[in-house]
Amino acid sequence: MVSAVVLVELRNVIFGFPRGERILDGISFSVKDGERIGLTGGNGAGKSTLFQIALGLLAPEGGTVSLWGKECRKGADFQEGRRRIGLVFQDPDDQLFCPSVLEDVAFGPMNLGLSAREARERSHRVLEGLGIPHLADRPPYHLSGGEKRLVSIATVLSMEPEVLFLDEPTEGLDEVSYARVISVVRKYPARAVVVVSHDPEVLDALTTTRCVLKGGRINRA
């Protein structure tokens, strides 16, 4: 059930890359407790950019970002939100940097204060849930694209965030892995989920509301 509690809110956000066209042109977008939102739009429309602005990874030229009712202006303001929001990047290589899969998945929990043993145990559970426990000792750079995507999802789920931002979470997966990701995300007890995907079956399975990003503006479908 959707509540009136707003977890993430972007108001009148403007963003453009240097010497490029404006990608986001006064966008306002909110995520409420209980929402399951599918975010669609053409390539380059700014969907991934929107996620990164919400987490303070990119700074907008104008507008405001608020997380759990607190306006965030500088990097330190986003720290609490980054612990509570899990972002799966479109490119898994942006998330994998440790010598082994297990170390990558355990990195977040350890930064949250878990002991090394607790972080490893949680990481093994997440890898098992995604059907990839056999990858634990593998170097990420030896993995296939689909395996990297599964591991990148594991790195986020191991932190047990309250909100999930998923950017093309099933891209490049085989049929079995695709179904497992859908099942795991559906069962995950998130307060809210936002999914970017070009796959209507993914959006049908994981979301109940659609938003369309086009021409620098966003609208509820």
N, C-alpha and C. Protein backbone atom coordinates (compact mmCIF):
# COMPACT_ATOMS: atom_id res chain seq x y z
N MET A 1 0.84 -1.19 0.00
CA MET A 1 0.00 0.00 0.00
C MET A 1 0.88 1.25 0.00
N VAL A 2 0.55 2.19 -0.89
CA VAL A 2 1.30 3.43 -0.98
C VAL A 2 0.83 4.38 0.12
N SER A 3 1.79 4.97 0.84
CA SER A 3 1.46 5.93 1.89
C SER A 3 1.78 7.34 1.41
N ALA A 4 1.49 8.31 2.26
CA ALA A 4 1.76 9.70 1.91
C ALA A 4 3.20 10.10 2.23
N VAL A 5 3.98 9.18 2.81
CA VAL A 5 5.35 9.49 3.20
C VAL A 5 6.25 9.53 1.96
N VAL A 6 6.86 10.67 1.71
CA VAL A 6 7.76 10.83 0.56
C VAL A 6 9.18 10.50 1.00
N LEU A 7 9.77 9.51 0.34
CA LEU A 7 11.13 9.09 0.68
C LEU A 7 12.18 9.84 -0.13
N VAL A 8 11.90 10.02 -1.40
CA VAL A 8 12.84 10.69 -2.32
C VAL A 8 12.05 11.74 -3.11
N GLU A 9 12.61 12.95 -3.19
CA GLU A 9 11.93 13.99 -3.95
C GLU A 9 12.92 14.88 -4.68
N LEU A 10 12.74 15.00 -5.98
CA LEU A 10 13.48 15.94 -6.81
C LEU A 10 12.50 17.00 -7.28
N ARG A 11 12.88 18.27 -7.11
CA ARG A 11 11.97 19.36 -7.48
C ARG A 11 12.68 20.32 -8.43
N ASN A 12 12.08 20.48 -9.62
CA ASN A 12 12.56 21.45 -10.62
C ASN A 12 14.05 21.25 -10.94
N VAL A 13 14.46 20.00 -11.08
CA VAL A 13 15.88 19.69 -11.30
C VAL A 13 16.26 19.95 -12.76
N ILE A 14 17.38 20.64 -12.91
CA ILE A 14 17.94 20.94 -14.23
C ILE A 14 19.34 20.35 -14.29
N PHE A 15 19.63 19.68 -15.42
CA PHE A 15 20.97 19.10 -15.56
C PHE A 15 21.32 18.97 -17.04
N GLY A 16 22.57 19.34 -17.36
CA GLY A 16 23.10 19.14 -18.70
C GLY A 16 24.59 18.94 -18.60
N PHE A 17 25.13 18.11 -19.46
CA PHE A 17 26.58 17.90 -19.47
C PHE A 17 27.28 19.08 -20.16
N PRO A 18 28.54 19.36 -19.81
CA PRO A 18 29.25 20.49 -20.42
C PRO A 18 29.24 20.40 -21.94
N ARG A 19 28.96 21.53 -22.56
CA ARG A 19 28.93 21.65 -24.03
C ARG A 19 27.91 20.71 -24.66
N GLY A 20 26.94 20.29 -23.87
CA GLY A 20 25.89 19.41 -24.39
C GLY A 20 24.52 19.99 -24.13
N GLU A 21 23.51 19.32 -24.68
CA GLU A 21 22.14 19.80 -24.48
C GLU A 21 21.67 19.49 -23.06
N ARG A 22 20.68 20.22 -22.64
CA ARG A 22 20.10 20.00 -21.32
C ARG A 22 19.34 18.66 -21.33
N ILE A 23 19.70 17.77 -20.40
CA ILE A 23 19.08 16.45 -20.34
C ILE A 23 17.82 16.47 -19.49
N LEU A 24 17.92 17.11 -18.34
CA LEU A 24 16.77 17.25 -17.44
C LEU A 24 16.41 18.72 -17.38
N ASP A 25 15.16 19.04 -17.67
CA ASP A 25 14.76 20.43 -17.84
C ASP A 25 13.61 20.78 -16.89
N GLY A 26 13.97 20.92 -15.61
CA GLY A 26 12.97 21.27 -14.62
C GLY A 26 12.13 20.09 -14.14
N ILE A 27 12.76 18.95 -14.01
CA ILE A 27 12.05 17.72 -13.62
C ILE A 27 11.68 17.74 -12.15
N SER A 28 10.47 17.30 -11.86
CA SER A 28 10.04 17.03 -10.48
C SER A 28 9.58 15.57 -10.42
N PHE A 29 10.10 14.86 -9.43
CA PHE A 29 9.85 13.41 -9.35
C PHE A 29 9.93 13.00 -7.88
N SER A 30 8.95 12.24 -7.44
CA SER A 30 8.96 11.79 -6.04
C SER A 30 8.70 10.30 -5.95
N VAL A 31 9.23 9.71 -4.89
CA VAL A 31 9.02 8.30 -4.61
C VAL A 31 8.44 8.18 -3.21
N LYS A 32 7.24 7.64 -3.11
CA LYS A 32 6.57 7.51 -1.83
C LYS A 32 6.72 6.10 -1.26
N ASP A 33 6.56 6.01 0.03
CA ASP A 33 6.61 4.72 0.72
C ASP A 33 5.55 3.79 0.12
N GLY A 34 5.99 2.62 -0.34
CA GLY A 34 5.07 1.64 -0.91
C GLY A 34 4.98 1.66 -2.42
N GLU A 35 5.59 2.63 -3.07
CA GLU A 35 5.49 2.72 -4.53
C GLU A 35 6.43 1.74 -5.23
N ARG A 36 5.98 1.26 -6.37
CA ARG A 36 6.77 0.43 -7.28
C ARG A 36 6.66 1.08 -8.64
N ILE A 37 7.69 1.85 -9.02
CA ILE A 37 7.64 2.72 -10.19
C ILE A 37 8.51 2.17 -11.31
N GLY A 38 7.95 2.10 -12.50
CA GLY A 38 8.72 1.78 -13.69
C GLY A 38 9.03 3.07 -14.43
N LEU A 39 10.32 3.31 -14.70
CA LEU A 39 10.75 4.54 -15.36
C LEU A 39 11.23 4.20 -16.77
N THR A 40 10.55 4.76 -17.76
CA THR A 40 10.88 4.47 -19.14
C THR A 40 11.28 5.74 -19.88
N GLY A 41 11.83 5.53 -21.07
CA GLY A 41 12.28 6.66 -21.89
C GLY A 41 13.34 6.17 -22.86
N GLY A 42 13.57 6.94 -23.89
CA GLY A 42 14.54 6.54 -24.90
C GLY A 42 15.97 6.56 -24.38
N ASN A 43 16.88 5.99 -25.16
CA ASN A 43 18.29 6.02 -24.81
C ASN A 43 18.77 7.47 -24.72
N GLY A 44 19.49 7.78 -23.64
CA GLY A 44 20.00 9.12 -23.46
C GLY A 44 18.98 10.11 -22.91
N ALA A 45 17.81 9.62 -22.51
CA ALA A 45 16.76 10.52 -22.01
C ALA A 45 17.10 11.08 -20.63
N GLY A 46 17.99 10.40 -19.89
CA GLY A 46 18.39 10.91 -18.59
C GLY A 46 17.95 10.06 -17.41
N LYS A 47 17.53 8.83 -17.67
CA LYS A 47 17.04 7.97 -16.59
C LYS A 47 18.14 7.64 -15.59
N SER A 48 19.28 7.22 -16.08
CA SER A 48 20.41 6.91 -15.19
C SER A 48 20.90 8.17 -14.49
N THR A 49 20.90 9.28 -15.20
CA THR A 49 21.30 10.57 -14.62
C THR A 49 20.39 10.93 -13.45
N LEU A 50 19.10 10.69 -13.61
CA LEU A 50 18.14 10.99 -12.55
C LEU A 50 18.48 10.22 -11.27
N PHE A 51 18.80 8.94 -11.40
CA PHE A 51 19.20 8.14 -10.25
C PHE A 51 20.43 8.73 -9.58
N GLN A 52 21.42 9.09 -10.38
CA GLN A 52 22.69 9.57 -9.82
C GLN A 52 22.52 10.92 -9.13
N ILE A 53 21.65 11.76 -9.66
CA ILE A 53 21.38 13.04 -8.99
C ILE A 53 20.68 12.80 -7.66
N ALA A 54 19.76 11.86 -7.62
CA ALA A 54 19.03 11.56 -6.39
C ALA A 54 19.96 11.12 -5.27
N LEU A 55 21.10 10.50 -5.64
CA LEU A 55 22.05 10.03 -4.64
C LEU A 55 23.24 10.96 -4.47
N GLY A 56 23.22 12.09 -5.13
CA GLY A 56 24.31 13.04 -4.97
C GLY A 56 25.57 12.69 -5.72
N LEU A 57 25.47 11.76 -6.67
CA LEU A 57 26.64 11.38 -7.46
C LEU A 57 26.89 12.36 -8.60
N LEU A 58 25.84 13.06 -8.99
CA LEU A 58 25.94 14.17 -9.94
C LEU A 58 25.23 15.37 -9.32
N ALA A 59 25.77 16.56 -9.57
CA ALA A 59 25.17 17.77 -9.01
C ALA A 59 24.33 18.48 -10.07
N PRO A 60 23.07 18.78 -9.78
CA PRO A 60 22.24 19.48 -10.76
C PRO A 60 22.62 20.95 -10.87
N GLU A 61 22.27 21.55 -11.99
CA GLU A 61 22.50 22.98 -12.18
C GLU A 61 21.46 23.80 -11.42
N GLY A 62 20.32 23.21 -11.20
CA GLY A 62 19.25 23.90 -10.48
C GLY A 62 18.29 22.90 -9.90
N GLY A 63 17.45 23.36 -8.98
CA GLY A 63 16.48 22.49 -8.33
C GLY A 63 17.01 21.92 -7.03
N THR A 64 16.19 21.10 -6.39
CA THR A 64 16.55 20.54 -5.08
C THR A 64 16.31 19.05 -5.04
N VAL A 65 17.07 18.39 -4.16
CA VAL A 65 16.92 16.97 -3.88
C VAL A 65 16.69 16.81 -2.39
N SER A 66 15.65 16.08 -2.02
CA SER A 66 15.36 15.81 -0.61
C SER A 66 15.22 14.31 -0.40
N LEU A 67 15.85 13.80 0.64
CA LEU A 67 15.76 12.38 1.00
C LEU A 67 15.18 12.28 2.40
N TRP A 68 14.07 11.57 2.52
CA TRP A 68 13.38 11.42 3.80
C TRP A 68 13.06 12.79 4.42
N GLY A 69 12.68 13.72 3.56
CA GLY A 69 12.26 15.03 4.03
C GLY A 69 13.37 16.02 4.31
N LYS A 70 14.62 15.61 4.11
CA LYS A 70 15.75 16.49 4.37
C LYS A 70 16.38 16.93 3.05
N GLU A 71 16.45 18.23 2.83
CA GLU A 71 17.08 18.72 1.61
C GLU A 71 18.58 18.46 1.64
N CYS A 72 19.09 17.96 0.53
CA CYS A 72 20.52 17.60 0.43
C CYS A 72 21.20 18.56 -0.54
N ARG A 73 22.20 19.27 -0.05
CA ARG A 73 22.89 20.27 -0.87
C ARG A 73 24.33 19.88 -1.21
N LYS A 74 25.00 19.22 -0.28
CA LYS A 74 26.40 18.85 -0.51
C LYS A 74 26.59 17.36 -0.22
N GLY A 75 27.79 16.85 -0.54
CA GLY A 75 28.05 15.43 -0.44
C GLY A 75 27.68 14.80 0.89
N ALA A 76 28.05 15.46 1.98
CA ALA A 76 27.80 14.90 3.30
C ALA A 76 26.31 14.74 3.58
N ASP A 77 25.48 15.58 2.96
CA ASP A 77 24.04 15.51 3.18
C ASP A 77 23.43 14.22 2.62
N PHE A 78 24.13 13.61 1.65
CA PHE A 78 23.59 12.41 0.99
C PHE A 78 24.03 11.11 1.66
N GLN A 79 24.92 11.18 2.63
CA GLN A 79 25.49 9.95 3.19
C GLN A 79 24.44 9.02 3.76
N GLU A 80 23.51 9.57 4.54
CA GLU A 80 22.46 8.74 5.13
C GLU A 80 21.58 8.13 4.05
N GLY A 81 21.24 8.92 3.04
CA GLY A 81 20.42 8.41 1.95
C GLY A 81 21.10 7.30 1.19
N ARG A 82 22.40 7.39 1.00
CA ARG A 82 23.13 6.35 0.28
C ARG A 82 23.14 5.03 1.04
N ARG A 83 23.01 5.11 2.36
CA ARG A 83 22.92 3.87 3.14
C ARG A 83 21.54 3.25 3.04
N ARG A 84 20.55 4.08 2.75
CA ARG A 84 19.18 3.61 2.75
C ARG A 84 18.63 3.31 1.35
N ILE A 85 19.36 3.77 0.33
CA ILE A 85 18.95 3.53 -1.05
C ILE A 85 20.02 2.70 -1.75
N GLY A 86 19.61 1.60 -2.36
CA GLY A 86 20.53 0.75 -3.10
C GLY A 86 20.39 0.99 -4.58
N LEU A 87 21.47 1.40 -5.23
CA LEU A 87 21.46 1.68 -6.67
C LEU A 87 22.24 0.61 -7.42
N VAL A 88 21.55 -0.10 -8.31
CA VAL A 88 22.21 -1.01 -9.24
C VAL A 88 22.44 -0.25 -10.53
N PHE A 89 23.70 -0.01 -10.86
CA PHE A 89 24.05 0.76 -12.04
C PHE A 89 23.76 -0.02 -13.32
N GLN A 90 23.57 0.71 -14.41
CA GLN A 90 23.35 0.07 -15.70
C GLN A 90 24.57 -0.72 -16.13
N ASP A 91 25.76 -0.22 -15.85
CA ASP A 91 27.00 -0.91 -16.20
C ASP A 91 27.57 -1.55 -14.94
N PRO A 92 27.57 -2.89 -14.84
CA PRO A 92 28.07 -3.55 -13.63
C PRO A 92 29.52 -3.21 -13.30
N ASP A 93 30.32 -2.89 -14.31
CA ASP A 93 31.72 -2.57 -14.05
C ASP A 93 31.88 -1.32 -13.18
N ASP A 94 30.84 -0.51 -13.09
CA ASP A 94 30.89 0.67 -12.22
C ASP A 94 30.80 0.30 -10.74
N GLN A 95 30.43 -0.95 -10.44
CA GLN A 95 30.22 -1.36 -9.06
C GLN A 95 31.22 -2.40 -8.56
N LEU A 96 31.95 -3.02 -9.45
CA LEU A 96 32.81 -4.14 -9.07
C LEU A 96 34.27 -3.73 -9.15
N PHE A 97 34.96 -3.81 -8.01
CA PHE A 97 36.34 -3.32 -7.98
C PHE A 97 37.24 -4.14 -7.06
N CYS A 98 36.71 -5.11 -6.34
CA CYS A 98 37.52 -5.90 -5.40
C CYS A 98 38.14 -7.11 -6.11
N PRO A 99 39.13 -7.76 -5.47
CA PRO A 99 39.78 -8.91 -6.10
C PRO A 99 38.87 -10.11 -6.30
N SER A 100 37.83 -10.26 -5.48
CA SER A 100 36.94 -11.41 -5.61
C SER A 100 35.48 -10.96 -5.48
N VAL A 101 34.59 -11.80 -5.98
CA VAL A 101 33.16 -11.52 -5.89
C VAL A 101 32.73 -11.38 -4.43
N LEU A 102 33.15 -12.31 -3.58
CA LEU A 102 32.75 -12.25 -2.18
C LEU A 102 33.18 -10.95 -1.52
N GLU A 103 34.39 -10.50 -1.82
CA GLU A 103 34.86 -9.23 -1.24
C GLU A 103 34.03 -8.06 -1.73
N ASP A 104 33.63 -8.08 -3.00
CA ASP A 104 32.78 -7.02 -3.52
C ASP A 104 31.44 -6.99 -2.80
N VAL A 105 30.84 -8.17 -2.62
CA VAL A 105 29.51 -8.24 -2.00
C VAL A 105 29.58 -7.89 -0.52
N ALA A 106 30.68 -8.24 0.12
CA ALA A 106 30.83 -7.98 1.56
C ALA A 106 31.29 -6.55 1.85
N PHE A 107 31.77 -5.84 0.84
CA PHE A 107 32.33 -4.50 1.06
C PHE A 107 31.30 -3.56 1.69
N GLY A 108 30.10 -3.51 1.14
CA GLY A 108 29.07 -2.62 1.66
C GLY A 108 28.68 -2.93 3.10
N PRO A 109 28.34 -4.19 3.41
CA PRO A 109 27.99 -4.52 4.79
C PRO A 109 29.09 -4.19 5.80
N MET A 110 30.34 -4.38 5.41
CA MET A 110 31.43 -4.05 6.34
C MET A 110 31.50 -2.54 6.56
N ASN A 111 31.24 -1.77 5.52
CA ASN A 111 31.22 -0.31 5.68
C ASN A 111 30.04 0.14 6.54
N LEU A 112 29.02 -0.68 6.64
CA LEU A 112 27.88 -0.37 7.49
C LEU A 112 28.13 -0.76 8.95
N GLY A 113 29.27 -1.40 9.20
CA GLY A 113 29.62 -1.73 10.58
C GLY A 113 29.56 -3.19 10.94
N LEU A 114 29.20 -4.06 9.99
CA LEU A 114 29.20 -5.49 10.29
C LEU A 114 30.63 -6.00 10.42
N SER A 115 30.81 -7.02 11.22
CA SER A 115 32.13 -7.65 11.32
C SER A 115 32.41 -8.39 10.02
N ALA A 116 33.67 -8.75 9.80
CA ALA A 116 34.03 -9.47 8.58
C ALA A 116 33.26 -10.79 8.48
N ARG A 117 33.09 -11.48 9.60
CA ARG A 117 32.36 -12.75 9.60
C ARG A 117 30.89 -12.52 9.26
N GLU A 118 30.27 -11.53 9.89
CA GLU A 118 28.87 -11.24 9.62
C GLU A 118 28.66 -10.83 8.16
N ALA A 119 29.58 -10.01 7.64
CA ALA A 119 29.47 -9.56 6.26
C ALA A 119 29.60 -10.73 5.29
N ARG A 120 30.53 -11.65 5.57
CA ARG A 120 30.70 -12.82 4.70
C ARG A 120 29.46 -13.71 4.75
N GLU A 121 28.91 -13.91 5.95
CA GLU A 121 27.72 -14.76 6.07
C GLU A 121 26.54 -14.17 5.30
N ARG A 122 26.34 -12.86 5.46
CA ARG A 122 25.24 -12.21 4.73
C ARG A 122 25.48 -12.29 3.23
N SER A 123 26.72 -12.09 2.82
CA SER A 123 27.05 -12.12 1.39
C SER A 123 26.81 -13.49 0.80
N HIS A 124 27.17 -14.54 1.52
CA HIS A 124 26.92 -15.89 1.03
C HIS A 124 25.43 -16.14 0.87
N ARG A 125 24.60 -15.63 1.80
CA ARG A 125 23.15 -15.81 1.69
C ARG A 125 22.61 -15.12 0.45
N VAL A 126 23.10 -13.91 0.18
CA VAL A 126 22.62 -13.18 -0.99
C VAL A 126 23.06 -13.88 -2.28
N LEU A 127 24.30 -14.32 -2.34
CA LEU A 127 24.78 -15.03 -3.52
C LEU A 127 23.99 -16.31 -3.75
N GLU A 128 23.67 -17.01 -2.67
CA GLU A 128 22.87 -18.23 -2.76
C GLU A 128 21.48 -17.90 -3.31
N GLY A 129 20.88 -16.82 -2.80
CA GLY A 129 19.54 -16.43 -3.26
C GLY A 129 19.50 -16.11 -4.74
N LEU A 130 20.60 -15.57 -5.27
CA LEU A 130 20.67 -15.24 -6.69
C LEU A 130 21.19 -16.39 -7.54
N GLY A 131 21.49 -17.52 -6.88
CA GLY A 131 21.93 -18.70 -7.61
C GLY A 131 23.36 -18.66 -8.09
N ILE A 132 24.21 -17.85 -7.43
CA ILE A 132 25.60 -17.73 -7.89
C ILE A 132 26.62 -17.94 -6.76
N PRO A 133 26.38 -18.86 -5.82
CA PRO A 133 27.37 -19.06 -4.75
C PRO A 133 28.71 -19.56 -5.28
N HIS A 134 28.68 -20.21 -6.45
CA HIS A 134 29.92 -20.74 -7.05
C HIS A 134 30.85 -19.64 -7.56
N LEU A 135 30.35 -18.40 -7.61
CA LEU A 135 31.19 -17.30 -8.10
C LEU A 135 31.95 -16.60 -6.98
N ALA A 136 31.74 -16.99 -5.74
CA ALA A 136 32.26 -16.24 -4.59
C ALA A 136 33.75 -15.94 -4.67
N ASP A 137 34.55 -16.89 -5.12
CA ASP A 137 36.00 -16.71 -5.13
C ASP A 137 36.54 -16.26 -6.48
N ARG A 138 35.66 -16.00 -7.42
CA ARG A 138 36.09 -15.62 -8.76
C ARG A 138 36.43 -14.13 -8.82
N PRO A 139 37.46 -13.74 -9.58
CA PRO A 139 37.71 -12.32 -9.82
C PRO A 139 36.61 -11.75 -10.72
N PRO A 140 36.05 -10.60 -10.39
CA PRO A 140 34.96 -10.05 -11.21
C PRO A 140 35.33 -9.86 -12.67
N TYR A 141 36.59 -9.55 -12.96
CA TYR A 141 36.96 -9.29 -14.35
C TYR A 141 37.00 -10.57 -15.18
N HIS A 142 36.87 -11.75 -14.54
CA HIS A 142 36.80 -13.01 -15.27
C HIS A 142 35.36 -13.45 -15.53
N LEU A 143 34.39 -12.66 -15.11
CA LEU A 143 32.99 -13.04 -15.23
C LEU A 143 32.42 -12.61 -16.58
N SER A 144 31.36 -13.29 -16.99
CA SER A 144 30.62 -12.85 -18.18
C SER A 144 29.79 -11.61 -17.83
N GLY A 145 29.24 -10.99 -18.84
CA GLY A 145 28.42 -9.80 -18.60
C GLY A 145 27.22 -10.10 -17.72
N GLY A 146 26.55 -11.23 -17.97
CA GLY A 146 25.40 -11.61 -17.16
C GLY A 146 25.78 -11.90 -15.72
N GLU A 147 26.92 -12.57 -15.53
CA GLU A 147 27.39 -12.87 -14.17
C GLU A 147 27.73 -11.58 -13.42
N LYS A 148 28.36 -10.64 -14.12
CA LYS A 148 28.67 -9.35 -13.49
C LYS A 148 27.40 -8.64 -13.04
N ARG A 149 26.34 -8.72 -13.86
CA ARG A 149 25.10 -8.06 -13.49
C ARG A 149 24.52 -8.68 -12.22
N LEU A 150 24.54 -10.00 -12.13
CA LEU A 150 24.03 -10.66 -10.93
C LEU A 150 24.84 -10.27 -9.70
N VAL A 151 26.15 -10.19 -9.85
CA VAL A 151 27.00 -9.81 -8.72
C VAL A 151 26.74 -8.37 -8.33
N SER A 152 26.54 -7.49 -9.30
CA SER A 152 26.27 -6.09 -8.97
C SER A 152 24.96 -5.96 -8.19
N ILE A 153 23.97 -6.77 -8.53
CA ILE A 153 22.72 -6.79 -7.76
C ILE A 153 22.99 -7.30 -6.35
N ALA A 154 23.84 -8.32 -6.23
CA ALA A 154 24.18 -8.87 -4.92
C ALA A 154 24.86 -7.83 -4.03
N THR A 155 25.72 -6.99 -4.62
CA THR A 155 26.42 -5.98 -3.82
C THR A 155 25.44 -4.99 -3.20
N VAL A 156 24.33 -4.76 -3.87
CA VAL A 156 23.31 -3.84 -3.34
C VAL A 156 22.42 -4.54 -2.31
N LEU A 157 21.94 -5.73 -2.63
CA LEU A 157 21.05 -6.44 -1.71
C LEU A 157 21.74 -6.79 -0.40
N SER A 158 23.04 -7.00 -0.43
CA SER A 158 23.77 -7.35 0.80
C SER A 158 23.78 -6.20 1.80
N MET A 159 23.52 -4.98 1.33
CA MET A 159 23.48 -3.83 2.23
C MET A 159 22.09 -3.64 2.86
N GLU A 160 21.13 -4.43 2.39
CA GLU A 160 19.76 -4.41 2.90
C GLU A 160 19.17 -2.98 2.90
N PRO A 161 19.20 -2.32 1.74
CA PRO A 161 18.66 -0.95 1.67
C PRO A 161 17.14 -0.95 1.79
N GLU A 162 16.59 0.20 2.14
CA GLU A 162 15.15 0.35 2.26
C GLU A 162 14.49 0.60 0.90
N VAL A 163 15.22 1.24 0.00
CA VAL A 163 14.71 1.60 -1.32
C VAL A 163 15.66 1.03 -2.37
N LEU A 164 15.09 0.49 -3.45
CA LEU A 164 15.90 -0.03 -4.55
C LEU A 164 15.73 0.83 -5.79
N PHE A 165 16.85 1.27 -6.36
CA PHE A 165 16.89 1.89 -7.68
C PHE A 165 17.59 0.89 -8.60
N LEU A 166 16.88 0.35 -9.58
CA LEU A 166 17.42 -0.70 -10.43
C LEU A 166 17.46 -0.22 -11.88
N ASP A 167 18.67 -0.12 -12.42
CA ASP A 167 18.87 0.39 -13.78
C ASP A 167 19.16 -0.79 -14.71
N GLU A 168 18.16 -1.19 -15.49
CA GLU A 168 18.25 -2.34 -16.40
C GLU A 168 18.75 -3.60 -15.66
N PRO A 169 18.06 -4.06 -14.62
CA PRO A 169 18.57 -5.14 -13.78
C PRO A 169 18.63 -6.50 -14.44
N THR A 170 17.93 -6.70 -15.57
CA THR A 170 17.91 -8.03 -16.20
C THR A 170 18.63 -8.06 -17.54
N GLU A 171 19.24 -6.96 -17.92
CA GLU A 171 19.90 -6.91 -19.22
C GLU A 171 21.03 -7.92 -19.31
N GLY A 172 21.03 -8.72 -20.37
CA GLY A 172 22.12 -9.67 -20.60
C GLY A 172 22.01 -10.97 -19.83
N LEU A 173 20.90 -11.21 -19.13
CA LEU A 173 20.76 -12.42 -18.33
C LEU A 173 20.12 -13.53 -19.15
N ASP A 174 20.52 -14.78 -18.85
CA ASP A 174 19.85 -15.91 -19.47
C ASP A 174 18.49 -16.11 -18.80
N GLU A 175 17.71 -17.03 -19.33
CA GLU A 175 16.33 -17.20 -18.87
C GLU A 175 16.24 -17.55 -17.39
N VAL A 176 17.12 -18.42 -16.92
CA VAL A 176 17.09 -18.84 -15.52
C VAL A 176 17.46 -17.69 -14.60
N SER A 177 18.53 -16.97 -14.92
CA SER A 177 18.96 -15.85 -14.09
C SER A 177 17.94 -14.72 -14.11
N TYR A 178 17.35 -14.49 -15.28
CA TYR A 178 16.30 -13.48 -15.43
C TYR A 178 15.16 -13.75 -14.45
N ALA A 179 14.68 -14.99 -14.46
CA ALA A 179 13.57 -15.37 -13.58
C ALA A 179 13.96 -15.26 -12.11
N ARG A 180 15.20 -15.58 -11.79
CA ARG A 180 15.64 -15.53 -10.40
C ARG A 180 15.71 -14.09 -9.90
N VAL A 181 16.21 -13.18 -10.73
CA VAL A 181 16.26 -11.77 -10.34
C VAL A 181 14.86 -11.23 -10.10
N ILE A 182 13.94 -11.55 -10.99
CA ILE A 182 12.55 -11.10 -10.82
C ILE A 182 12.00 -11.61 -9.49
N SER A 183 12.24 -12.89 -9.19
CA SER A 183 11.73 -13.49 -7.96
C SER A 183 12.34 -12.84 -6.72
N VAL A 184 13.66 -12.63 -6.75
CA VAL A 184 14.35 -12.06 -5.59
C VAL A 184 13.88 -10.63 -5.33
N VAL A 185 13.77 -9.84 -6.39
CA VAL A 185 13.36 -8.44 -6.21
C VAL A 185 11.91 -8.36 -5.73
N ARG A 186 11.06 -9.22 -6.25
CA ARG A 186 9.65 -9.20 -5.83
C ARG A 186 9.50 -9.55 -4.36
N LYS A 187 10.36 -10.42 -3.87
CA LYS A 187 10.27 -10.85 -2.47
C LYS A 187 11.00 -9.91 -1.53
N TYR A 188 11.88 -9.07 -2.07
CA TYR A 188 12.70 -8.21 -1.22
C TYR A 188 11.80 -7.19 -0.50
N PRO A 189 11.96 -7.02 0.81
CA PRO A 189 11.07 -6.13 1.57
C PRO A 189 11.43 -4.65 1.49
N ALA A 190 11.47 -4.13 0.27
CA ALA A 190 11.80 -2.71 0.08
C ALA A 190 10.60 -1.84 0.39
N ARG A 191 10.87 -0.66 0.91
CA ARG A 191 9.81 0.33 1.12
C ARG A 191 9.34 0.91 -0.21
N ALA A 192 10.25 0.96 -1.18
CA ALA A 192 9.90 1.46 -2.51
C ALA A 192 10.91 0.92 -3.51
N VAL A 193 10.48 0.80 -4.76
CA VAL A 193 11.34 0.31 -5.84
C VAL A 193 11.11 1.18 -7.07
N VAL A 194 12.22 1.57 -7.72
CA VAL A 194 12.15 2.26 -9.01
C VAL A 194 12.98 1.46 -9.99
N VAL A 195 12.38 1.07 -11.10
CA VAL A 195 13.04 0.22 -12.08
C VAL A 195 13.10 0.91 -13.43
N VAL A 196 14.31 1.03 -13.98
CA VAL A 196 14.50 1.46 -15.36
C VAL A 196 14.67 0.20 -16.20
N SER A 197 13.85 0.05 -17.22
CA SER A 197 13.97 -1.12 -18.09
C SER A 197 13.27 -0.85 -19.41
N HIS A 198 13.84 -1.43 -20.48
CA HIS A 198 13.18 -1.39 -21.78
C HIS A 198 12.32 -2.64 -21.98
N ASP A 199 12.31 -3.53 -21.00
CA ASP A 199 11.59 -4.79 -21.10
C ASP A 199 10.23 -4.66 -20.41
N PRO A 200 9.14 -4.66 -21.17
CA PRO A 200 7.82 -4.51 -20.55
C PRO A 200 7.47 -5.62 -19.58
N GLU A 201 8.02 -6.82 -19.79
CA GLU A 201 7.73 -7.92 -18.87
C GLU A 201 8.36 -7.67 -17.50
N VAL A 202 9.53 -7.07 -17.47
CA VAL A 202 10.17 -6.71 -16.20
C VAL A 202 9.33 -5.67 -15.48
N LEU A 203 8.87 -4.66 -16.20
CA LEU A 203 8.06 -3.61 -15.59
C LEU A 203 6.73 -4.16 -15.09
N ASP A 204 6.13 -5.07 -15.86
CA ASP A 204 4.88 -5.68 -15.43
C ASP A 204 5.06 -6.49 -14.15
N ALA A 205 6.21 -7.16 -14.04
CA ALA A 205 6.46 -8.03 -12.90
C ALA A 205 6.84 -7.27 -11.64
N LEU A 206 7.53 -6.14 -11.79
CA LEU A 206 8.12 -5.47 -10.63
C LEU A 206 7.49 -4.13 -10.26
N THR A 207 6.68 -3.56 -11.14
CA THR A 207 6.16 -2.21 -10.87
C THR A 207 4.64 -2.15 -11.06
N THR A 208 4.07 -1.11 -10.47
CA THR A 208 2.62 -0.90 -10.59
C THR A 208 2.29 0.46 -11.19
N THR A 209 3.29 1.33 -11.27
CA THR A 209 3.10 2.69 -11.80
C THR A 209 4.19 2.96 -12.82
N ARG A 210 3.85 3.67 -13.90
CA ARG A 210 4.84 4.00 -14.93
C ARG A 210 5.05 5.51 -15.01
N CYS A 211 6.31 5.89 -15.19
CA CYS A 211 6.67 7.28 -15.48
C CYS A 211 7.48 7.29 -16.77
N VAL A 212 7.28 8.31 -17.58
CA VAL A 212 7.97 8.43 -18.85
C VAL A 212 8.83 9.68 -18.83
N LEU A 213 10.12 9.50 -19.14
CA LEU A 213 11.06 10.62 -19.22
C LEU A 213 11.33 10.91 -20.70
N LYS A 214 10.95 12.11 -21.13
CA LYS A 214 11.08 12.46 -22.53
C LYS A 214 11.25 13.97 -22.67
N GLY A 215 12.20 14.37 -23.48
CA GLY A 215 12.40 15.79 -23.73
C GLY A 215 12.76 16.60 -22.49
N GLY A 216 13.44 15.93 -21.55
CA GLY A 216 13.86 16.61 -20.34
C GLY A 216 12.78 16.74 -19.28
N ARG A 217 11.60 16.18 -19.54
CA ARG A 217 10.50 16.25 -18.58
C ARG A 217 10.02 14.84 -18.24
N ILE A 218 9.34 14.72 -17.12
CA ILE A 218 8.86 13.41 -16.67
C ILE A 218 7.36 13.48 -16.40
N ASN A 219 6.66 12.45 -16.82
CA ASN A 219 5.22 12.40 -16.62
C ASN A 219 4.79 11.01 -16.18
N ARG A 220 3.79 10.96 -15.32
CA ARG A 220 3.20 9.68 -14.93
C ARG A 220 2.36 9.16 -16.08
N ALA A 221 2.56 7.90 -16.44
CA ALA A 221 1.82 7.31 -17.56
C ALA A 221 0.40 6.95 -17.13
